[in-house]
Amino acid sequence: MSSSDPRTAASARGEIPEPEEVTLDHAFDGDGLYGMRATISAHADRLGIDDEQLQQLLIVAGELASNAVRHGGGRGRLRLWRDGARLYCRVSDEGVGISEPASGTTQPAATQIGGRGLWIVRSLSAELFVSNDPPGTTVTAVISAR
């Protein structure tokens, strides 16, 4: 990529570059979470990931999608792509956003009810980007691919 490539410029600014090609673009709702996981599994070969990475991706995608259903209007959109050694999992919804930027950065107490989803996602991701731009919230987890 040349320095005039907008993907390179976005990366230099600490933003996630838009993918050249999305491997999976999948809408979901609360009734479709199982189907979403099955669809991700079916695309593992196209993403070039092994079984361990697939399990990691299924957990990350499942937690983000569950949060979108629970807090983001009952439905969302999952997009997956790979760029070199980085696997991107982006979930968007129409919710009001994540008000606390540090959500999920500390492990919840064992007695706490809820609040583990983003902590799990952060634990399994190399990076996590949250955007609260209308019409909703977009969370992108970056997973190191082998």
C-alpha atoms as a PDB file:
ATOM      1  CA  MET A   1       0.000   0.000   0.000  1.00  0.00           C
ATOM      2  CA  SER A   2       1.199   3.445  -0.793  1.00  0.00           C
ATOM      3  CA  SER A   3       1.223   6.266   1.717  1.00  0.00           C
ATOM      4  CA  SER A   4      -1.744   7.822  -0.118  1.00  0.00           C
ATOM      5  CA  ASP A   5      -3.806   4.711   0.611  1.00  0.00           C
ATOM      6  CA  PRO A   6      -6.633   5.777   3.000  1.00  0.00           C
ATOM      7  CA  ARG A   7      -6.330   2.447   4.844  1.00  0.00           C
ATOM      8  CA  THR A   8      -2.690   3.206   5.716  1.00  0.00           C
ATOM      9  CA  ALA A   9      -3.535   6.769   6.748  1.00  0.00           C
ATOM     10  CA  ALA A  10      -6.353   5.555   9.018  1.00  0.00           C
ATOM     11  CA  SER A  11      -4.058   3.019  10.648  1.00  0.00           C
ATOM     12  CA  ALA A  12      -1.411   5.705  11.267  1.00  0.00           C
ATOM     13  CA  ARG A  13      -4.055   7.802  13.084  1.00  0.00           C
ATOM     14  CA  GLY A  14      -4.953   4.869  15.353  1.00  0.00           C
ATOM     15  CA  GLU A  15      -8.190   4.194  13.505  1.00  0.00           C
ATOM     16  CA  ILE A  16      -9.265   0.913  12.023  1.00  0.00           C
ATOM     17  CA  PRO A  17      -8.867   0.910   8.266  1.00  0.00           C
ATOM     18  CA  GLU A  18     -11.906  -0.088   6.244  1.00  0.00           C
ATOM     19  CA  PRO A  19     -11.475  -3.551   4.773  1.00  0.00           C
ATOM     20  CA  GLU A  20     -10.753  -4.083   1.115  1.00  0.00           C
ATOM     21  CA  GLU A  21     -12.916  -7.202   1.288  1.00  0.00           C
ATOM     22  CA  VAL A  22     -15.246  -8.395   4.022  1.00  0.00           C
ATOM     23  CA  THR A  23     -15.265 -12.169   4.490  1.00  0.00           C
ATOM     24  CA  LEU A  24     -18.586 -12.221   6.339  1.00  0.00           C
ATOM     25  CA  ASP A  25     -21.341  -9.615   6.662  1.00  0.00           C
ATOM     26  CA  HIS A  26     -24.182 -11.013   8.771  1.00  0.00           C
ATOM     27  CA  ALA A  27     -27.252  -9.391  10.330  1.00  0.00           C
ATOM     28  CA  PHE A  28     -28.529 -10.990  13.544  1.00  0.00           C
ATOM     29  CA  ASP A  29     -31.116 -10.678  16.278  1.00  0.00           C
ATOM     30  CA  GLY A  30     -31.705 -12.512  19.534  1.00  0.00           C
ATOM     31  CA  ASP A  31     -33.168 -15.532  17.765  1.00  0.00           C
ATOM     32  CA  GLY A  32     -30.249 -15.700  15.347  1.00  0.00           C
ATOM     33  CA  LEU A  33     -27.224 -15.906  17.661  1.00  0.00           C
ATOM     34  CA  TYR A  34     -26.811 -19.672  17.252  1.00  0.00           C
ATOM     35  CA  GLY A  35     -27.066 -19.308  13.476  1.00  0.00           C
ATOM     36  CA  MET A  36     -24.498 -16.508  13.564  1.00  0.00           C
ATOM     37  CA  ARG A  37     -22.018 -18.769  15.365  1.00  0.00           C
ATOM     38  CA  ALA A  38     -22.630 -21.551  12.838  1.00  0.00           C
ATOM     39  CA  THR A  39     -22.075 -19.079   9.992  1.00  0.00           C
ATOM     40  CA  ILE A  40     -18.783 -17.911  11.529  1.00  0.00           C
ATOM     41  CA  SER A  41     -17.640 -21.533  11.823  1.00  0.00           C
ATOM     42  CA  ALA A  42     -18.520 -22.133   8.192  1.00  0.00           C
ATOM     43  CA  HIS A  43     -16.281 -19.210   7.158  1.00  0.00           C
ATOM     44  CA  ALA A  44     -13.226 -20.216   9.241  1.00  0.00           C
ATOM     45  CA  ASP A  45     -11.366 -21.602   6.223  1.00  0.00           C
ATOM     46  CA  ARG A  46     -11.917 -18.379   4.251  1.00  0.00           C
ATOM     47  CA  LEU A  47     -10.508 -16.446   7.205  1.00  0.00           C
ATOM     48  CA  GLY A  48      -7.459 -18.721   7.348  1.00  0.00           C
ATOM     49  CA  ILE A  49      -7.761 -19.446  11.071  1.00  0.00           C
ATOM     50  CA  ASP A  50      -7.124 -22.618  13.039  1.00  0.00           C
ATOM     51  CA  ASP A  51      -9.454 -24.270  15.568  1.00  0.00           C
ATOM     52  CA  GLU A  52      -8.033 -22.351  18.543  1.00  0.00           C
ATOM     53  CA  GLN A  53      -8.494 -19.011  16.795  1.00  0.00           C
ATOM     54  CA  LEU A  54     -12.000 -20.052  15.731  1.00  0.00           C
ATOM     55  CA  GLN A  55     -12.930 -20.744  19.353  1.00  0.00           C
ATOM     56  CA  GLN A  56     -11.518 -17.352  20.365  1.00  0.00           C
ATOM     57  CA  LEU A  57     -13.450 -15.643  17.553  1.00  0.00           C
ATOM     58  CA  LEU A  58     -16.693 -17.427  18.471  1.00  0.00           C
ATOM     59  CA  ILE A  59     -16.409 -16.198  22.062  1.00  0.00           C
ATOM     60  CA  VAL A  60     -15.580 -12.613  21.033  1.00  0.00           C
ATOM     61  CA  ALA A  61     -18.313 -12.448  18.374  1.00  0.00           C
ATOM     62  CA  GLY A  62     -20.832 -14.108  20.675  1.00  0.00           C
ATOM     63  CA  GLU A  63     -20.187 -11.691  23.543  1.00  0.00           C
ATOM     64  CA  LEU A  64     -20.336  -8.635  21.279  1.00  0.00           C
ATOM     65  CA  ALA A  65     -23.497  -9.852  19.535  1.00  0.00           C
ATOM     66  CA  SER A  66     -25.170 -10.716  22.848  1.00  0.00           C
ATOM     67  CA  ASN A  67     -24.388  -7.212  24.096  1.00  0.00           C
ATOM     68  CA  ALA A  68     -25.868  -5.733  20.907  1.00  0.00           C
ATOM     69  CA  VAL A  69     -29.068  -7.704  21.425  1.00  0.00           C
ATOM     70  CA  ARG A  70     -29.258  -6.908  25.140  1.00  0.00           C
ATOM     71  CA  HIS A  71     -28.211  -3.245  25.069  1.00  0.00           C
ATOM     72  CA  GLY A  72     -28.322  -2.134  21.452  1.00  0.00           C
ATOM     73  CA  GLY A  73     -31.869  -2.424  20.235  1.00  0.00           C
ATOM     74  CA  GLY A  74     -32.277  -6.189  19.919  1.00  0.00           C
ATOM     75  CA  ARG A  75     -30.311  -6.712  16.738  1.00  0.00           C
ATOM     76  CA  GLY A  76     -27.021  -5.943  15.057  1.00  0.00           C
ATOM     77  CA  ARG A  77     -24.602  -6.552  12.236  1.00  0.00           C
ATOM     78  CA  LEU A  78     -21.427  -8.630  12.340  1.00  0.00           C
ATOM     79  CA  ARG A  79     -18.576  -8.087   9.884  1.00  0.00           C
ATOM     80  CA  LEU A  80     -15.413 -10.204   9.766  1.00  0.00           C
ATOM     81  CA  TRP A  81     -12.285  -9.720   7.726  1.00  0.00           C
ATOM     82  CA  ARG A  82      -8.605 -10.416   7.827  1.00  0.00           C
ATOM     83  CA  ASP A  83      -5.795  -8.030   7.026  1.00  0.00           C
ATOM     84  CA  GLY A  84      -2.441  -9.794   7.155  1.00  0.00           C
ATOM     85  CA  ALA A  85      -1.896 -11.157  10.638  1.00  0.00           C
ATOM     86  CA  ARG A  86      -4.898  -9.330  12.065  1.00  0.00           C
ATOM     87  CA  LEU A  87      -8.441 -10.665  12.229  1.00  0.00           C
ATOM     88  CA  TYR A  88     -11.175  -8.058  12.656  1.00  0.00           C
ATOM     89  CA  CYS A  89     -14.554  -8.729  14.272  1.00  0.00           C
ATOM     90  CA  ARG A  90     -16.882  -5.714  14.085  1.00  0.00           C
ATOM     91  CA  VAL A  91     -20.347  -5.633  15.646  1.00  0.00           C
ATOM     92  CA  SER A  92     -22.637  -2.660  15.127  1.00  0.00           C
ATOM     93  CA  ASP A  93     -26.013  -1.937  16.685  1.00  0.00           C
ATOM     94  CA  GLU A  94     -28.499   0.905  17.070  1.00  0.00           C
ATOM     95  CA  GLY A  95     -28.049   1.373  20.819  1.00  0.00           C
ATOM     96  CA  VAL A  96     -27.208   4.511  22.758  1.00  0.00           C
ATOM     97  CA  GLY A  97     -23.562   3.571  23.148  1.00  0.00           C
ATOM     98  CA  ILE A  98     -21.095   2.550  25.772  1.00  0.00           C
ATOM     99  CA  SER A  99     -20.951   5.462  28.185  1.00  0.00           C
ATOM    100  CA  GLU A 100     -17.817   4.384  30.057  1.00  0.00           C
ATOM    101  CA  PRO A 101     -14.734   4.139  27.796  1.00  0.00           C
ATOM    102  CA  ALA A 102     -12.975   1.953  30.369  1.00  0.00           C
ATOM    103  CA  SER A 103     -15.753  -0.657  30.375  1.00  0.00           C
ATOM    104  CA  GLY A 104     -14.278  -4.102  30.523  1.00  0.00           C
ATOM    105  CA  THR A 105     -10.745  -3.071  31.447  1.00  0.00           C
ATOM    106  CA  THR A 106     -10.897  -4.589  34.944  1.00  0.00           C
ATOM    107  CA  GLN A 107     -12.069  -8.038  35.925  1.00  0.00           C
ATOM    108  CA  PRO A 108     -15.504  -7.933  37.572  1.00  0.00           C
ATOM    109  CA  ALA A 109     -15.842  -9.249  41.111  1.00  0.00           C
ATOM    110  CA  ALA A 110     -16.910 -12.882  41.352  1.00  0.00           C
ATOM    111  CA  THR A 111     -20.149 -11.809  43.025  1.00  0.00           C
ATOM    112  CA  GLN A 112     -21.002  -9.156  40.437  1.00  0.00           C
ATOM    113  CA  ILE A 113     -23.989  -9.939  38.247  1.00  0.00           C
ATOM    114  CA  GLY A 114     -23.253  -9.162  34.616  1.00  0.00           C
ATOM    115  CA  GLY A 115     -20.531  -6.934  33.249  1.00  0.00           C
ATOM    116  CA  ARG A 116     -18.214  -9.678  32.019  1.00  0.00           C
ATOM    117  CA  GLY A 117     -18.798  -9.516  28.268  1.00  0.00           C
ATOM    118  CA  LEU A 118     -16.476  -6.638  27.399  1.00  0.00           C
ATOM    119  CA  TRP A 119     -13.891  -7.870  29.898  1.00  0.00           C
ATOM    120  CA  ILE A 120     -13.861 -11.269  28.164  1.00  0.00           C
ATOM    121  CA  VAL A 121     -13.641  -9.606  24.745  1.00  0.00           C
ATOM    122  CA  ARG A 122     -10.769  -7.366  25.855  1.00  0.00           C
ATOM    123  CA  SER A 123      -8.985 -10.380  27.360  1.00  0.00           C
ATOM    124  CA  LEU A 124      -9.134 -12.278  24.072  1.00  0.00           C
ATOM    125  CA  SER A 125      -8.352  -9.342  21.768  1.00  0.00           C
ATOM    126  CA  ALA A 126      -5.104  -7.621  20.866  1.00  0.00           C
ATOM    127  CA  GLU A 127      -7.011  -4.328  20.562  1.00  0.00           C
ATOM    128  CA  LEU A 128     -10.580  -3.115  21.015  1.00  0.00           C
ATOM    129  CA  PHE A 129     -12.099  -0.037  19.416  1.00  0.00           C
ATOM    130  CA  VAL A 130     -15.454   1.428  20.466  1.00  0.00           C
ATOM    131  CA  SER A 131     -17.295   4.052  18.467  1.00  0.00           C
ATOM    132  CA  ASN A 132     -20.512   5.676  19.705  1.00  0.00           C
ATOM    133  CA  ASP A 133     -21.489   7.420  16.497  1.00  0.00           C
ATOM    134  CA  PRO A 134     -25.126   7.724  15.438  1.00  0.00           C
ATOM    135  CA  PRO A 135     -27.036   5.666  14.581  1.00  0.00           C
ATOM    136  CA  GLY A 136     -25.535   3.442  17.258  1.00  0.00           C
ATOM    137  CA  THR A 137     -22.474   1.709  18.618  1.00  0.00           C
ATOM    138  CA  THR A 138     -19.714  -0.109  16.776  1.00  0.00           C
ATOM    139  CA  VAL A 139     -17.206  -2.303  18.561  1.00  0.00           C
ATOM    140  CA  THR A 140     -14.276  -3.762  16.662  1.00  0.00           C
ATOM    141  CA  ALA A 141     -12.111  -6.437  18.216  1.00  0.00           C
ATOM    142  CA  VAL A 142      -8.738  -7.160  16.675  1.00  0.00           C
ATOM    143  CA  ILE A 143      -7.495 -10.705  17.133  1.00  0.00           C
ATOM    144  CA  SER A 144      -3.956 -11.684  16.278  1.00  0.00           C
ATOM    145  CA  ALA A 145      -4.021 -14.346  13.580  1.00  0.00           C
ATOM    146  CA  ARG A 146      -1.255 -16.827  13.101  1.00  0.00           C
END
